[in-house]
C-alpha cells in the first residue's frame, strides 16, 4: 500500500521553504508602505500614511540587528523612492556610524526630493554628517539650486532662506575645502547658483576666496541686494576707528588673562561650549536681542570661545538653530574686524 500522507518531517521542511524570511517580509511591507508622493495625498491620507510608516519602522526596530541589516540592503538597492531613501538613511545614521554607512547615508539623501522630503530634516542630517567627518559638498550644493526657499525649522521657530541653509553646511566645512567647492560653483550656468556661491564664498574669508572673488566678473549681475551688501562688507577694506586704539576696552592685564584662559584644543573648546558658552547663550536667549544688539553684546563681552584659528567659528555651527547661527555670525564680525585692523589680503580687497 502506498502511504499518501506526507511525513511530519517532509511537511515541516516544505513549510519552512514556503515561509518568507524576515527580510523578505520587510521588503514586502516596505513595498506596500512606500512608493507614494506627498503632493498626491490629502490631509487624511497623509495621517494614515504616517501611521503606516511608523508601524513599519517599529517592525524594523523589533527585528533588531537583522532588521537594520535588511534596511541597509534595501537602501543600497533603492534608486527611485526618495522618501524611503531619506527615512532609511536617517534610521541607519542613528544605528551605525561606521565610515561605510556614513557614506551610504550621504549618497542616499543626496537624491532627496525637497517636494517630498523635509529640507529642514535634510539640513540637520547633512550637518551631523559633516560633523562626523563626511565630505558633504554634494549635500551643501543642493541648497544653491533651491531658489526662493523658505526652510522652516519648527524646533527653533526658525525660517531660513537657501543661502543661510547652505551657510550651515559650507560654514561647518574646512575653509579651504569649502572655498574650493564654492569657486567651482562660480562657473555654474545658472545665475542664481553663481550669485549664491559668491555670497557664501565671501563668508569663507580665505586667501583663495578673496583671490577668486577679486577676479570674478559676475558681481554686477547679482540681482539680490542682500547678497551684494554682504559681499561688499567683506571685500571692501574699512579703516579701523582711531578711537578704538585710543580708548581700548580692556587693559593689558585683562587681555593677557583672557588669552591665557582661551581654549586651544578640541576638548577644551567642547568643555567651554558646555559651561561658559551654554551660560552665555542662555543669557542671550532670555534677552531676545536683535542682530545689532547681539553684535554689541558680543563686542562688549569678555571672549570665552577662542579665536586662535577658524575651528572655533566652524564648531559654533553645532546644530540648526538661531543661537548657533548668531554665534557663527558674531565670529564672522570679529574676523572682519581683524582683517581690517591687520589689513590682510589687501591685494584682493578694494579700498
C-alpha atoms as a PDB file:
ATOM      1  CA  UNK A   1       0.000   0.000   0.000  1.00  0.00           C
ATOM      2  CA  UNK A   2       1.258   3.452  -0.892  1.00  0.00           C
ATOM      3  CA  UNK A   3       1.247   5.911   2.013  1.00  0.00           C
ATOM      4  CA  UNK A   4      -0.313   9.147   0.674  1.00  0.00           C
ATOM      5  CA  UNK A   5       0.031  11.046   3.998  1.00  0.00           C
ATOM      6  CA  UNK A   6       3.234  13.125   3.976  1.00  0.00           C
ATOM      7  CA  UNK A   7       5.555  12.539   6.873  1.00  0.00           C
ATOM      8  CA  UNK A   8       5.782  15.192   9.564  1.00  0.00           C
ATOM      9  CA  UNK A   9       9.411  15.686   8.618  1.00  0.00           C
ATOM     10  CA  UNK A  10       8.576  16.378   4.959  1.00  0.00           C
ATOM     11  CA  UNK A  11       5.698  18.689   5.889  1.00  0.00           C
ATOM     12  CA  UNK A  12       7.896  20.696   8.228  1.00  0.00           C
ATOM     13  CA  UNK A  13      10.606  21.150   5.580  1.00  0.00           C
ATOM     14  CA  UNK A  14       8.043  22.240   2.999  1.00  0.00           C
ATOM     15  CA  UNK A  15       6.549  24.758   5.427  1.00  0.00           C
ATOM     16  CA  UNK A  16       9.995  26.212   6.143  1.00  0.00           C
ATOM     17  CA  UNK A  17      10.610  26.653   2.422  1.00  0.00           C
ATOM     18  CA  UNK A  18       7.326  28.472   1.862  1.00  0.00           C
ATOM     19  CA  UNK A  19       7.592  30.836   4.846  1.00  0.00           C
ATOM     20  CA  UNK A  20       9.255  34.116   3.779  1.00  0.00           C
ATOM     21  CA  UNK A  21      12.396  35.211   5.586  1.00  0.00           C
ATOM     22  CA  UNK A  22      12.160  38.196   7.958  1.00  0.00           C
ATOM     23  CA  UNK A  23      13.919  40.399   5.390  1.00  0.00           C
ATOM     24  CA  UNK A  24      11.607  39.274   2.594  1.00  0.00           C
ATOM     25  CA  UNK A  25       8.681  40.117   4.840  1.00  0.00           C
ATOM     26  CA  UNK A  26      10.108  43.589   5.470  1.00  0.00           C
ATOM     27  CA  UNK A  27      10.639  44.075   1.751  1.00  0.00           C
ATOM     28  CA  UNK A  28       7.029  43.182   1.088  1.00  0.00           C
ATOM     29  CA  UNK A  29       5.801  45.546   3.786  1.00  0.00           C
ATOM     30  CA  UNK A  30       8.069  48.329   2.525  1.00  0.00           C
ATOM     31  CA  UNK A  31       6.588  47.961  -0.972  1.00  0.00           C
ATOM     32  CA  UNK A  32       3.101  48.489   0.469  1.00  0.00           C
ATOM     33  CA  UNK A  33       4.027  51.442   2.688  1.00  0.00           C
ATOM     34  CA  UNK A  34       6.333  53.433   0.407  1.00  0.00           C
ATOM     35  CA  UNK A  35       6.148  54.444  -3.241  1.00  0.00           C
ATOM     36  CA  UNK A  36       3.952  57.482  -2.567  1.00  0.00           C
ATOM     37  CA  UNK A  37       4.263  61.207  -3.309  1.00  0.00           C
ATOM     38  CA  UNK A  38       3.099  63.716  -0.713  1.00  0.00           C
ATOM     39  CA  UNK A  39       1.654  66.020  -3.373  1.00  0.00           C
ATOM     40  CA  UNK A  40      -0.798  63.286  -4.326  1.00  0.00           C
ATOM     41  CA  UNK A  41      -2.145  62.784  -0.776  1.00  0.00           C
ATOM     42  CA  UNK A  42      -4.816  64.779   1.006  1.00  0.00           C
ATOM     43  CA  UNK A  43      -4.609  65.553   4.734  1.00  0.00           C
ATOM     44  CA  UNK A  44      -6.463  62.396   5.816  1.00  0.00           C
ATOM     45  CA  UNK A  45      -4.315  60.205   3.587  1.00  0.00           C
ATOM     46  CA  UNK A  46      -1.174  61.836   4.973  1.00  0.00           C
ATOM     47  CA  UNK A  47      -2.234  60.969   8.516  1.00  0.00           C
ATOM     48  CA  UNK A  48      -2.891  57.361   7.531  1.00  0.00           C
ATOM     49  CA  UNK A  49       0.404  57.157   5.683  1.00  0.00           C
ATOM     50  CA  UNK A  50       2.242  58.485   8.721  1.00  0.00           C
ATOM     51  CA  UNK A  51       0.749  55.693  10.842  1.00  0.00           C
ATOM     52  CA  UNK A  52       1.777  53.073   8.286  1.00  0.00           C
ATOM     53  CA  UNK A  53       5.316  54.412   8.153  1.00  0.00           C
ATOM     54  CA  UNK A  54       5.567  54.490  11.938  1.00  0.00           C
ATOM     55  CA  UNK A  55       4.360  50.875  12.155  1.00  0.00           C
ATOM     56  CA  UNK A  56       6.902  49.794   9.527  1.00  0.00           C
ATOM     57  CA  UNK A  57       9.856  51.285  11.378  1.00  0.00           C
ATOM     58  CA  UNK A  58       8.677  49.830  14.659  1.00  0.00           C
ATOM     59  CA  UNK A  59       8.715  46.438  12.942  1.00  0.00           C
ATOM     60  CA  UNK A  60      12.278  47.094  11.749  1.00  0.00           C
ATOM     61  CA  UNK A  61      13.289  48.059  15.266  1.00  0.00           C
ATOM     62  CA  UNK A  62      11.689  44.922  16.690  1.00  0.00           C
ATOM     63  CA  UNK A  63      13.762  42.773  14.316  1.00  0.00           C
ATOM     64  CA  UNK A  64      16.951  44.135  15.870  1.00  0.00           C
ATOM     65  CA  UNK A  65      20.275  43.808  14.011  1.00  0.00           C
ATOM     66  CA  UNK A  66      18.634  41.656  11.333  1.00  0.00           C
ATOM     67  CA  UNK A  67      16.142  44.431  10.615  1.00  0.00           C
ATOM     68  CA  UNK A  68      18.919  47.015  10.401  1.00  0.00           C
ATOM     69  CA  UNK A  69      20.905  44.784   8.023  1.00  0.00           C
ATOM     70  CA  UNK A  70      17.835  44.327   5.844  1.00  0.00           C
ATOM     71  CA  UNK A  71      17.201  48.073   5.676  1.00  0.00           C
ATOM     72  CA  UNK A  72      20.826  48.616   4.699  1.00  0.00           C
ATOM     73  CA  UNK A  73      20.492  46.138   1.824  1.00  0.00           C
ATOM     74  CA  UNK A  74      17.246  47.726   0.654  1.00  0.00           C
ATOM     75  CA  UNK A  75      18.815  51.196   0.816  1.00  0.00           C
ATOM     76  CA  UNK A  76      21.840  50.092  -1.222  1.00  0.00           C
ATOM     77  CA  UNK A  77      19.494  48.795  -3.921  1.00  0.00           C
ATOM     78  CA  UNK A  78      16.949  51.652  -3.873  1.00  0.00           C
ATOM     79  CA  UNK A  79      17.327  54.179  -6.699  1.00  0.00           C
ATOM     80  CA  UNK A  80      13.913  55.760  -7.139  1.00  0.00           C
ATOM     81  CA  UNK A  81      11.923  56.009  -3.886  1.00  0.00           C
ATOM     82  CA  UNK A  82      13.347  59.170  -2.330  1.00  0.00           C
ATOM     83  CA  UNK A  83      11.031  59.043   0.696  1.00  0.00           C
ATOM     84  CA  UNK A  84      12.323  55.603   1.637  1.00  0.00           C
ATOM     85  CA  UNK A  85      15.910  56.636   0.921  1.00  0.00           C
ATOM     86  CA  UNK A  86      15.700  59.525   3.353  1.00  0.00           C
ATOM     87  CA  UNK A  87      13.868  57.626   6.101  1.00  0.00           C
ATOM     88  CA  UNK A  88      16.166  54.588   5.805  1.00  0.00           C
ATOM     89  CA  UNK A  89      19.282  56.783   5.764  1.00  0.00           C
ATOM     90  CA  UNK A  90      18.104  58.605   8.897  1.00  0.00           C
ATOM     91  CA  UNK A  91      17.474  55.302  10.654  1.00  0.00           C
ATOM     92  CA  UNK A  92      20.870  53.878   9.648  1.00  0.00           C
ATOM     93  CA  UNK A  93      22.676  57.009  10.797  1.00  0.00           C
ATOM     94  CA  UNK A  94      21.275  56.503  14.285  1.00  0.00           C
ATOM     95  CA  UNK A  95      22.240  52.812  14.311  1.00  0.00           C
ATOM     96  CA  UNK A  96      25.727  52.808  12.779  1.00  0.00           C
ATOM     97  CA  UNK A  97      28.439  55.456  12.413  1.00  0.00           C
ATOM     98  CA  UNK A  98      30.937  53.312  10.514  1.00  0.00           C
ATOM     99  CA  UNK A  99      32.599  55.134   7.570  1.00  0.00           C
ATOM    100  CA  UNK A 100      30.894  52.881   5.005  1.00  0.00           C
ATOM    101  CA  UNK A 101      27.455  53.542   6.496  1.00  0.00           C
ATOM    102  CA  UNK A 102      28.022  57.290   6.739  1.00  0.00           C
ATOM    103  CA  UNK A 103      28.975  57.354   3.059  1.00  0.00           C
ATOM    104  CA  UNK A 104      25.865  55.340   2.174  1.00  0.00           C
ATOM    105  CA  UNK A 105      23.711  57.755   4.178  1.00  0.00           C
ATOM    106  CA  UNK A 106      25.281  60.740   2.409  1.00  0.00           C
ATOM    107  CA  UNK A 107      24.862  59.265  -1.070  1.00  0.00           C
ATOM    108  CA  UNK A 108      21.258  58.274  -0.329  1.00  0.00           C
ATOM    109  CA  UNK A 109      19.995  61.620   0.966  1.00  0.00           C
ATOM    110  CA  UNK A 110      21.844  63.414  -1.845  1.00  0.00           C
ATOM    111  CA  UNK A 111      18.994  62.185  -4.052  1.00  0.00           C
ATOM    112  CA  UNK A 112      16.291  63.633  -1.784  1.00  0.00           C
ATOM    113  CA  UNK A 113      13.397  65.430  -3.438  1.00  0.00           C
ATOM    114  CA  UNK A 114      12.519  68.560  -1.460  1.00  0.00           C
ATOM    115  CA  UNK A 115       8.966  68.285  -2.748  1.00  0.00           C
ATOM    116  CA  UNK A 116       8.622  65.131  -0.653  1.00  0.00           C
ATOM    117  CA  UNK A 117      11.450  65.229   1.900  1.00  0.00           C
ATOM    118  CA  UNK A 118      11.544  67.912   4.577  1.00  0.00           C
ATOM    119  CA  UNK A 119      14.503  70.207   3.720  1.00  0.00           C
ATOM    120  CA  UNK A 120      14.946  71.115   7.403  1.00  0.00           C
ATOM    121  CA  UNK A 121      15.444  67.446   8.328  1.00  0.00           C
ATOM    122  CA  UNK A 122      17.790  67.086   5.355  1.00  0.00           C
ATOM    123  CA  UNK A 123      19.792  70.096   6.580  1.00  0.00           C
ATOM    124  CA  UNK A 124      20.079  68.751  10.129  1.00  0.00           C
ATOM    125  CA  UNK A 125      21.215  65.312   8.983  1.00  0.00           C
ATOM    126  CA  UNK A 126      23.669  66.799   6.478  1.00  0.00           C
ATOM    127  CA  UNK A 127      25.187  68.971   9.231  1.00  0.00           C
ATOM    128  CA  UNK A 128      25.545  65.938  11.516  1.00  0.00           C
ATOM    129  CA  UNK A 129      27.262  64.023   8.715  1.00  0.00           C
ATOM    130  CA  UNK A 130      29.674  66.896   8.207  1.00  0.00           C
ATOM    131  CA  UNK A 131      30.446  66.998  11.912  1.00  0.00           C
ATOM    132  CA  UNK A 132      31.142  63.248  11.699  1.00  0.00           C
ATOM    133  CA  UNK A 133      33.863  63.856   9.131  1.00  0.00           C
ATOM    134  CA  UNK A 134      31.897  63.115   5.950  1.00  0.00           C
ATOM    135  CA  UNK A 135      32.537  65.180   2.810  1.00  0.00           C
ATOM    136  CA  UNK A 136      29.163  66.940   2.394  1.00  0.00           C
ATOM    137  CA  UNK A 137      29.919  69.131  -0.621  1.00  0.00           C
ATOM    138  CA  UNK A 138      27.260  67.417  -2.718  1.00  0.00           C
ATOM    139  CA  UNK A 139      24.667  67.934   0.042  1.00  0.00           C
ATOM    140  CA  UNK A 140      25.519  71.605   0.522  1.00  0.00           C
ATOM    141  CA  UNK A 141      25.289  72.287  -3.207  1.00  0.00           C
ATOM    142  CA  UNK A 142      21.643  71.181  -3.202  1.00  0.00           C
ATOM    143  CA  UNK A 143      20.664  74.412  -1.429  1.00  0.00           C
ATOM    144  CA  UNK A 144      22.425  76.536  -4.051  1.00  0.00           C
ATOM    145  CA  UNK A 145      19.916  75.101  -6.515  1.00  0.00           C
ATOM    146  CA  UNK A 146      16.897  75.650  -4.286  1.00  0.00           C
ATOM    147  CA  UNK A 147      15.923  79.265  -5.096  1.00  0.00           C
ATOM    148  CA  UNK A 148      13.262  81.222  -3.199  1.00  0.00           C
ATOM    149  CA  UNK A 149      13.234  78.565  -0.499  1.00  0.00           C
ATOM    150  CA  UNK A 150      11.795  79.030   2.972  1.00  0.00           C
ATOM    151  CA  UNK A 151      13.123  76.222   5.157  1.00  0.00           C
ATOM    152  CA  UNK A 152      11.137  76.016   8.383  1.00  0.00           C
ATOM    153  CA  UNK A 153      12.840  74.610  11.480  1.00  0.00           C
ATOM    154  CA  UNK A 154       9.947  74.155  13.934  1.00  0.00           C
ATOM    155  CA  UNK A 155      12.118  73.240  16.948  1.00  0.00           C
ATOM    156  CA  UNK A 156      13.587  76.738  16.926  1.00  0.00           C
ATOM    157  CA  UNK A 157      10.757  78.640  15.197  1.00  0.00           C
ATOM    158  CA  UNK A 158      13.324  79.475  12.545  1.00  0.00           C
ATOM    159  CA  UNK A 159      12.782  80.211   8.834  1.00  0.00           C
ATOM    160  CA  UNK A 160      15.863  80.045   6.601  1.00  0.00           C
ATOM    161  CA  UNK A 161      16.427  81.058   3.005  1.00  0.00           C
ATOM    162  CA  UNK A 162      18.517  78.749   0.833  1.00  0.00           C
ATOM    163  CA  UNK A 163      21.716  80.824   1.237  1.00  0.00           C
ATOM    164  CA  UNK A 164      21.511  80.660   5.025  1.00  0.00           C
ATOM    165  CA  UNK A 165      20.719  76.945   4.961  1.00  0.00           C
ATOM    166  CA  UNK A 166      23.761  76.357   2.766  1.00  0.00           C
ATOM    167  CA  UNK A 167      25.830  78.522   5.127  1.00  0.00           C
ATOM    168  CA  UNK A 168      25.328  75.953   7.896  1.00  0.00           C
ATOM    169  CA  UNK A 169      26.917  73.305   5.684  1.00  0.00           C
ATOM    170  CA  UNK A 170      29.667  75.260   3.922  1.00  0.00           C
ATOM    171  CA  UNK A 171      30.433  77.087   7.164  1.00  0.00           C
ATOM    172  CA  UNK A 172      30.982  73.798   9.000  1.00  0.00           C
ATOM    173  CA  UNK A 173      33.486  72.524   6.401  1.00  0.00           C
ATOM    174  CA  UNK A 174      37.225  73.060   6.383  1.00  0.00           C
ATOM    175  CA  UNK A 175      37.549  76.587   4.904  1.00  0.00           C
ATOM    176  CA  UNK A 176      39.945  75.517   2.142  1.00  0.00           C
ATOM    177  CA  UNK A 177      37.614  72.684   1.084  1.00  0.00           C
ATOM    178  CA  UNK A 178      34.529  74.930   1.193  1.00  0.00           C
ATOM    179  CA  UNK A 179      36.299  77.673  -0.764  1.00  0.00           C
ATOM    180  CA  UNK A 180      37.369  75.245  -3.481  1.00  0.00           C
ATOM    181  CA  UNK A 181      33.834  73.840  -3.790  1.00  0.00           C
ATOM    182  CA  UNK A 182      32.239  77.302  -3.991  1.00  0.00           C
ATOM    183  CA  UNK A 183      34.787  78.584  -6.509  1.00  0.00           C
ATOM    184  CA  UNK A 184      33.714  75.739  -8.799  1.00  0.00           C
ATOM    185  CA  UNK A 185      30.092  76.847  -8.417  1.00  0.00           C
ATOM    186  CA  UNK A 186      31.012  80.317  -9.721  1.00  0.00           C
ATOM    187  CA  UNK A 187      31.135  78.615 -13.134  1.00  0.00           C
ATOM    188  CA  UNK A 188      27.581  77.240 -12.893  1.00  0.00           C
ATOM    189  CA  UNK A 189      25.315  78.047 -15.860  1.00  0.00           C
ATOM    190  CA  UNK A 190      22.536  79.370 -13.588  1.00  0.00           C
ATOM    191  CA  UNK A 191      22.873  82.987 -12.416  1.00  0.00           C
ATOM    192  CA  UNK A 192      21.161  82.301  -9.085  1.00  0.00           C
ATOM    193  CA  UNK A 193      23.650  79.484  -8.334  1.00  0.00           C
ATOM    194  CA  UNK A 194      26.642  81.697  -9.176  1.00  0.00           C
ATOM    195  CA  UNK A 195      25.207  84.502  -7.041  1.00  0.00           C
ATOM    196  CA  UNK A 196      24.599  82.254  -4.049  1.00  0.00           C
ATOM    197  CA  UNK A 197      28.055  80.709  -4.400  1.00  0.00           C
ATOM    198  CA  UNK A 198      29.710  84.151  -4.448  1.00  0.00           C
ATOM    199  CA  UNK A 199      27.723  85.189  -1.361  1.00  0.00           C
ATOM    200  CA  UNK A 200      28.845  82.110   0.580  1.00  0.00           C
ATOM    201  CA  UNK A 201      32.385  82.262  -0.778  1.00  0.00           C
ATOM    202  CA  UNK A 202      32.846  85.736   0.685  1.00  0.00           C
ATOM    203  CA  UNK A 203      31.919  84.347   4.111  1.00  0.00           C
ATOM    204  CA  UNK A 204      34.868  81.927   3.954  1.00  0.00           C
ATOM    205  CA  UNK A 205      37.386  84.800   4.164  1.00  0.00           C
ATOM    206  CA  UNK A 206      40.304  82.664   2.960  1.00  0.00           C
ATOM    207  CA  UNK A 207      43.036  83.806   0.615  1.00  0.00           C
ATOM    208  CA  UNK A 208      41.545  81.531  -2.067  1.00  0.00           C
ATOM    209  CA  UNK A 209      38.098  83.086  -1.662  1.00  0.00           C
ATOM    210  CA  UNK A 210      39.391  86.671  -1.784  1.00  0.00           C
ATOM    211  CA  UNK A 211      41.506  85.937  -4.848  1.00  0.00           C
ATOM    212  CA  UNK A 212      38.645  84.253  -6.708  1.00  0.00           C
ATOM    213  CA  UNK A 213      36.126  86.999  -5.946  1.00  0.00           C
ATOM    214  CA  UNK A 214      38.571  89.750  -6.886  1.00  0.00           C
ATOM    215  CA  UNK A 215      38.931  88.143 -10.340  1.00  0.00           C
ATOM    216  CA  UNK A 216      35.254  87.217 -10.781  1.00  0.00           C
ATOM    217  CA  UNK A 217      33.298  89.347 -13.243  1.00  0.00           C
ATOM    218  CA  UNK A 218      29.843  88.287 -12.122  1.00  0.00           C
ATOM    219  CA  UNK A 219      29.285  90.725  -9.240  1.00  0.00           C
ATOM    220  CA  UNK A 220      27.405  93.358 -11.331  1.00  0.00           C
ATOM    221  CA  UNK A 221      24.954  90.654 -12.428  1.00  0.00           C
ATOM    222  CA  UNK A 222      23.857  89.762  -8.877  1.00  0.00           C
ATOM    223  CA  UNK A 223      20.257  90.919  -8.533  1.00  0.00           C
ATOM    224  CA  UNK A 224      19.761  90.403  -4.800  1.00  0.00           C
ATOM    225  CA  UNK A 225      20.741  93.417  -2.699  1.00  0.00           C
ATOM    226  CA  UNK A 226      21.411  91.398   0.454  1.00  0.00           C
ATOM    227  CA  UNK A 227      23.986  89.294  -1.392  1.00  0.00           C
ATOM    228  CA  UNK A 228      25.736  92.356  -2.837  1.00  0.00           C
ATOM    229  CA  UNK A 229      25.807  94.094   0.552  1.00  0.00           C
ATOM    230  CA  UNK A 230      27.242  91.080   2.377  1.00  0.00           C
ATOM    231  CA  UNK A 231      29.951  90.546  -0.241  1.00  0.00           C
ATOM    232  CA  UNK A 232      30.927  94.224  -0.215  1.00  0.00           C
ATOM    233  CA  UNK A 233      31.064  94.298   3.589  1.00  0.00           C
ATOM    234  CA  UNK A 234      33.774  91.644   3.479  1.00  0.00           C
ATOM    235  CA  UNK A 235      35.570  92.552   0.269  1.00  0.00           C
ATOM    236  CA  UNK A 236      35.866  96.295   0.979  1.00  0.00           C
ATOM    237  CA  UNK A 237      38.558  97.439   3.392  1.00  0.00           C
ATOM    238  CA  UNK A 238      37.280  99.610   6.213  1.00  0.00           C
ATOM    239  CA  UNK A 239      39.858 101.513   8.232  1.00  0.00           C
ATOM    240  CA  UNK A 240      39.623 100.906  11.999  1.00  0.00           C
ATOM    241  CA  UNK A 241      38.298 103.700  14.186  1.00  0.00           C
ATOM    242  CA  UNK A 242      41.252 105.526  15.808  1.00  0.00           C
ATOM    243  CA  UNK A 243      39.203 105.844  18.993  1.00  0.00           C
ATOM    244  CA  UNK A 244      39.370 102.064  19.373  1.00  0.00           C
ATOM    245  CA  UNK A 245      43.125 102.378  19.821  1.00  0.00           C
ATOM    246  CA  UNK A 246      42.980 105.493  21.990  1.00  0.00           C
ATOM    247  CA  UNK A 247      40.358 104.070  24.341  1.00  0.00           C
ATOM    248  CA  UNK A 248      40.767 100.247  24.491  1.00  0.00           C
ATOM    249  CA  UNK A 249      38.003  98.270  26.173  1.00  0.00           C
ATOM    250  CA  UNK A 250      40.453  96.044  28.076  1.00  0.00           C
ATOM    251  CA  UNK A 251      43.675  96.658  29.958  1.00  0.00           C
ATOM    252  CA  UNK A 252      46.843  94.784  29.030  1.00  0.00           C
ATOM    253  CA  UNK A 253      46.499  92.584  32.122  1.00  0.00           C
ATOM    254  CA  UNK A 254      42.893  91.704  31.253  1.00  0.00           C
ATOM    255  CA  UNK A 255      43.832  90.792  27.682  1.00  0.00           C
ATOM    256  CA  UNK A 256      46.693  88.562  28.852  1.00  0.00           C
ATOM    257  CA  UNK A 257      44.416  86.853  31.385  1.00  0.00           C
ATOM    258  CA  UNK A 258      41.717  86.215  28.776  1.00  0.00           C
ATOM    259  CA  UNK A 259      44.210  84.868  26.227  1.00  0.00           C
ATOM    260  CA  UNK A 260      45.658  82.505  28.815  1.00  0.00           C
ATOM    261  CA  UNK A 261      42.191  81.133  29.503  1.00  0.00           C
ATOM    262  CA  UNK A 262      41.098  80.613  25.892  1.00  0.00           C
ATOM    263  CA  UNK A 263      40.689  77.001  24.702  1.00  0.00           C
ATOM    264  CA  UNK A 264      43.405  75.661  22.414  1.00  0.00           C
ATOM    265  CA  UNK A 265      42.315  72.054  21.901  1.00  0.00           C
ATOM    266  CA  UNK A 266      39.052  70.466  20.718  1.00  0.00           C
ATOM    267  CA  UNK A 267      38.421  69.058  24.212  1.00  0.00           C
ATOM    268  CA  UNK A 268      38.989  72.431  25.863  1.00  0.00           C
ATOM    269  CA  UNK A 269      36.679  74.041  23.309  1.00  0.00           C
ATOM    270  CA  UNK A 270      33.953  71.440  23.935  1.00  0.00           C
ATOM    271  CA  UNK A 271      34.281  71.980  27.709  1.00  0.00           C
ATOM    272  CA  UNK A 272      33.915  75.747  27.308  1.00  0.00           C
ATOM    273  CA  UNK A 273      30.920  75.319  24.983  1.00  0.00           C
ATOM    274  CA  UNK A 274      29.221  73.106  27.600  1.00  0.00           C
ATOM    275  CA  UNK A 275      29.842  75.515  30.516  1.00  0.00           C
ATOM    276  CA  UNK A 276      30.599  79.184  29.858  1.00  0.00           C
ATOM    277  CA  UNK A 277      29.256  79.016  26.320  1.00  0.00           C
ATOM    278  CA  UNK A 278      25.960  77.453  27.398  1.00  0.00           C
ATOM    279  CA  UNK A 279      25.540  80.027  30.168  1.00  0.00           C
ATOM    280  CA  UNK A 280      26.255  82.916  27.787  1.00  0.00           C
ATOM    281  CA  UNK A 281      23.824  81.538  25.183  1.00  0.00           C
ATOM    282  CA  UNK A 282      21.129  81.180  27.845  1.00  0.00           C
ATOM    283  CA  UNK A 283      21.520  84.811  28.914  1.00  0.00           C
ATOM    284  CA  UNK A 284      21.338  85.970  25.296  1.00  0.00           C
ATOM    285  CA  UNK A 285      18.245  83.856  24.579  1.00  0.00           C
ATOM    286  CA  UNK A 286      16.453  85.353  27.583  1.00  0.00           C
ATOM    287  CA  UNK A 287      17.107  88.875  26.290  1.00  0.00           C
ATOM    288  CA  UNK A 288      15.976  88.006  22.739  1.00  0.00           C
ATOM    289  CA  UNK A 289      18.208  90.681  21.169  1.00  0.00           C
ATOM    290  CA  UNK A 290      18.138  91.886  17.581  1.00  0.00           C
ATOM    291  CA  UNK A 291      21.147  91.130  15.374  1.00  0.00           C
ATOM    292  CA  UNK A 292      22.540  94.629  16.055  1.00  0.00           C
ATOM    293  CA  UNK A 293      22.063  94.201  19.808  1.00  0.00           C
ATOM    294  CA  UNK A 294      23.648  90.747  19.662  1.00  0.00           C
ATOM    295  CA  UNK A 295      26.745  92.147  17.935  1.00  0.00           C
ATOM    296  CA  UNK A 296      27.032  94.779  20.664  1.00  0.00           C
ATOM    297  CA  UNK A 297      26.674  92.167  23.416  1.00  0.00           C
ATOM    298  CA  UNK A 298      29.403  90.030  21.870  1.00  0.00           C
ATOM    299  CA  UNK A 299      31.686  93.037  21.362  1.00  0.00           C
ATOM    300  CA  UNK A 300      31.323  94.138  24.979  1.00  0.00           C
ATOM    301  CA  UNK A 301      31.614  90.658  26.486  1.00  0.00           C
ATOM    302  CA  UNK A 302      34.825  89.023  27.559  1.00  0.00           C
ATOM    303  CA  UNK A 303      35.881  86.455  24.902  1.00  0.00           C
ATOM    304  CA  UNK A 304      35.315  82.892  26.055  1.00  0.00           C
ATOM    305  CA  UNK A 305      35.495  80.708  22.954  1.00  0.00           C
ATOM    306  CA  UNK A 306      38.925  81.322  21.484  1.00  0.00           C
ATOM    307  CA  UNK A 307      39.738  82.651  18.037  1.00  0.00           C
ATOM    308  CA  UNK A 308      43.181  81.126  17.622  1.00  0.00           C
ATOM    309  CA  UNK A 309      42.011  79.578  14.347  1.00  0.00           C
ATOM    310  CA  UNK A 310      38.864  79.148  12.267  1.00  0.00           C
ATOM    311  CA  UNK A 311      37.844  75.961  14.050  1.00  0.00           C
ATOM    312  CA  UNK A 312      36.007  77.983  16.684  1.00  0.00           C
ATOM    313  CA  UNK A 313      33.758  79.559  14.045  1.00  0.00           C
ATOM    314  CA  UNK A 314      33.192  76.219  12.307  1.00  0.00           C
ATOM    315  CA  UNK A 315      32.353  74.444  15.541  1.00  0.00           C
ATOM    316  CA  UNK A 316      29.868  77.131  16.532  1.00  0.00           C
ATOM    317  CA  UNK A 317      27.526  75.576  13.923  1.00  0.00           C
ATOM    318  CA  UNK A 318      26.720  72.703  16.270  1.00  0.00           C
ATOM    319  CA  UNK A 319      23.054  72.450  15.236  1.00  0.00           C
ATOM    320  CA  UNK A 320      20.455  74.149  13.038  1.00  0.00           C
ATOM    321  CA  UNK A 321      19.302  76.926  15.356  1.00  0.00           C
ATOM    322  CA  UNK A 322      19.252  80.702  15.598  1.00  0.00           C
ATOM    323  CA  UNK A 323      21.658  80.517  18.560  1.00  0.00           C
ATOM    324  CA  UNK A 324      24.187  78.568  16.510  1.00  0.00           C
ATOM    325  CA  UNK A 325      23.806  80.903  13.549  1.00  0.00           C
ATOM    326  CA  UNK A 326      24.156  84.017  15.721  1.00  0.00           C
ATOM    327  CA  UNK A 327      27.340  82.624  17.220  1.00  0.00           C
ATOM    328  CA  UNK A 328      28.764  81.985  13.745  1.00  0.00           C
ATOM    329  CA  UNK A 329      27.883  85.498  12.576  1.00  0.00           C
ATOM    330  CA  UNK A 330      29.411  87.010  15.715  1.00  0.00           C
ATOM    331  CA  UNK A 331      32.680  85.200  14.956  1.00  0.00           C
ATOM    332  CA  UNK A 332      32.412  86.488  11.391  1.00  0.00           C
ATOM    333  CA  UNK A 333      32.220  90.090  12.614  1.00  0.00           C
ATOM    334  CA  UNK A 334      35.292  89.514  14.767  1.00  0.00           C
ATOM    335  CA  UNK A 335      37.167  88.125  11.768  1.00  0.00           C
ATOM    336  CA  UNK A 336      36.154  91.076   9.557  1.00  0.00           C
ATOM    337  CA  UNK A 337      37.453  93.407  12.255  1.00  0.00           C
ATOM    338  CA  UNK A 338      40.768  91.549  12.323  1.00  0.00           C
ATOM    339  CA  UNK A 339      41.019  91.668   8.519  1.00  0.00           C
ATOM    340  CA  UNK A 340      40.594  95.442   8.585  1.00  0.00           C
ATOM    341  CA  UNK A 341      42.821  96.079  11.570  1.00  0.00           C
ATOM    342  CA  UNK A 342      45.676  93.973  10.184  1.00  0.00           C
ATOM    343  CA  UNK A 343      44.931  94.926   6.557  1.00  0.00           C
ATOM    344  CA  UNK A 344      45.030  91.284   5.481  1.00  0.00           C
ATOM    345  CA  UNK A 345      44.674  90.193   1.835  1.00  0.00           C
ATOM    346  CA  UNK A 346      44.921  93.852   0.826  1.00  0.00           C
ATOM    347  CA  UNK A 347      45.925  92.913  -2.713  1.00  0.00           C
ATOM    348  CA  UNK A 348      42.440  91.404  -3.244  1.00  0.00           C
ATOM    349  CA  UNK A 349      40.282  93.866  -1.291  1.00  0.00           C
ATOM    350  CA  UNK A 350      39.089  97.277  -2.505  1.00  0.00           C
ATOM    351  CA  UNK A 351      39.528 100.470  -0.542  1.00  0.00           C
END
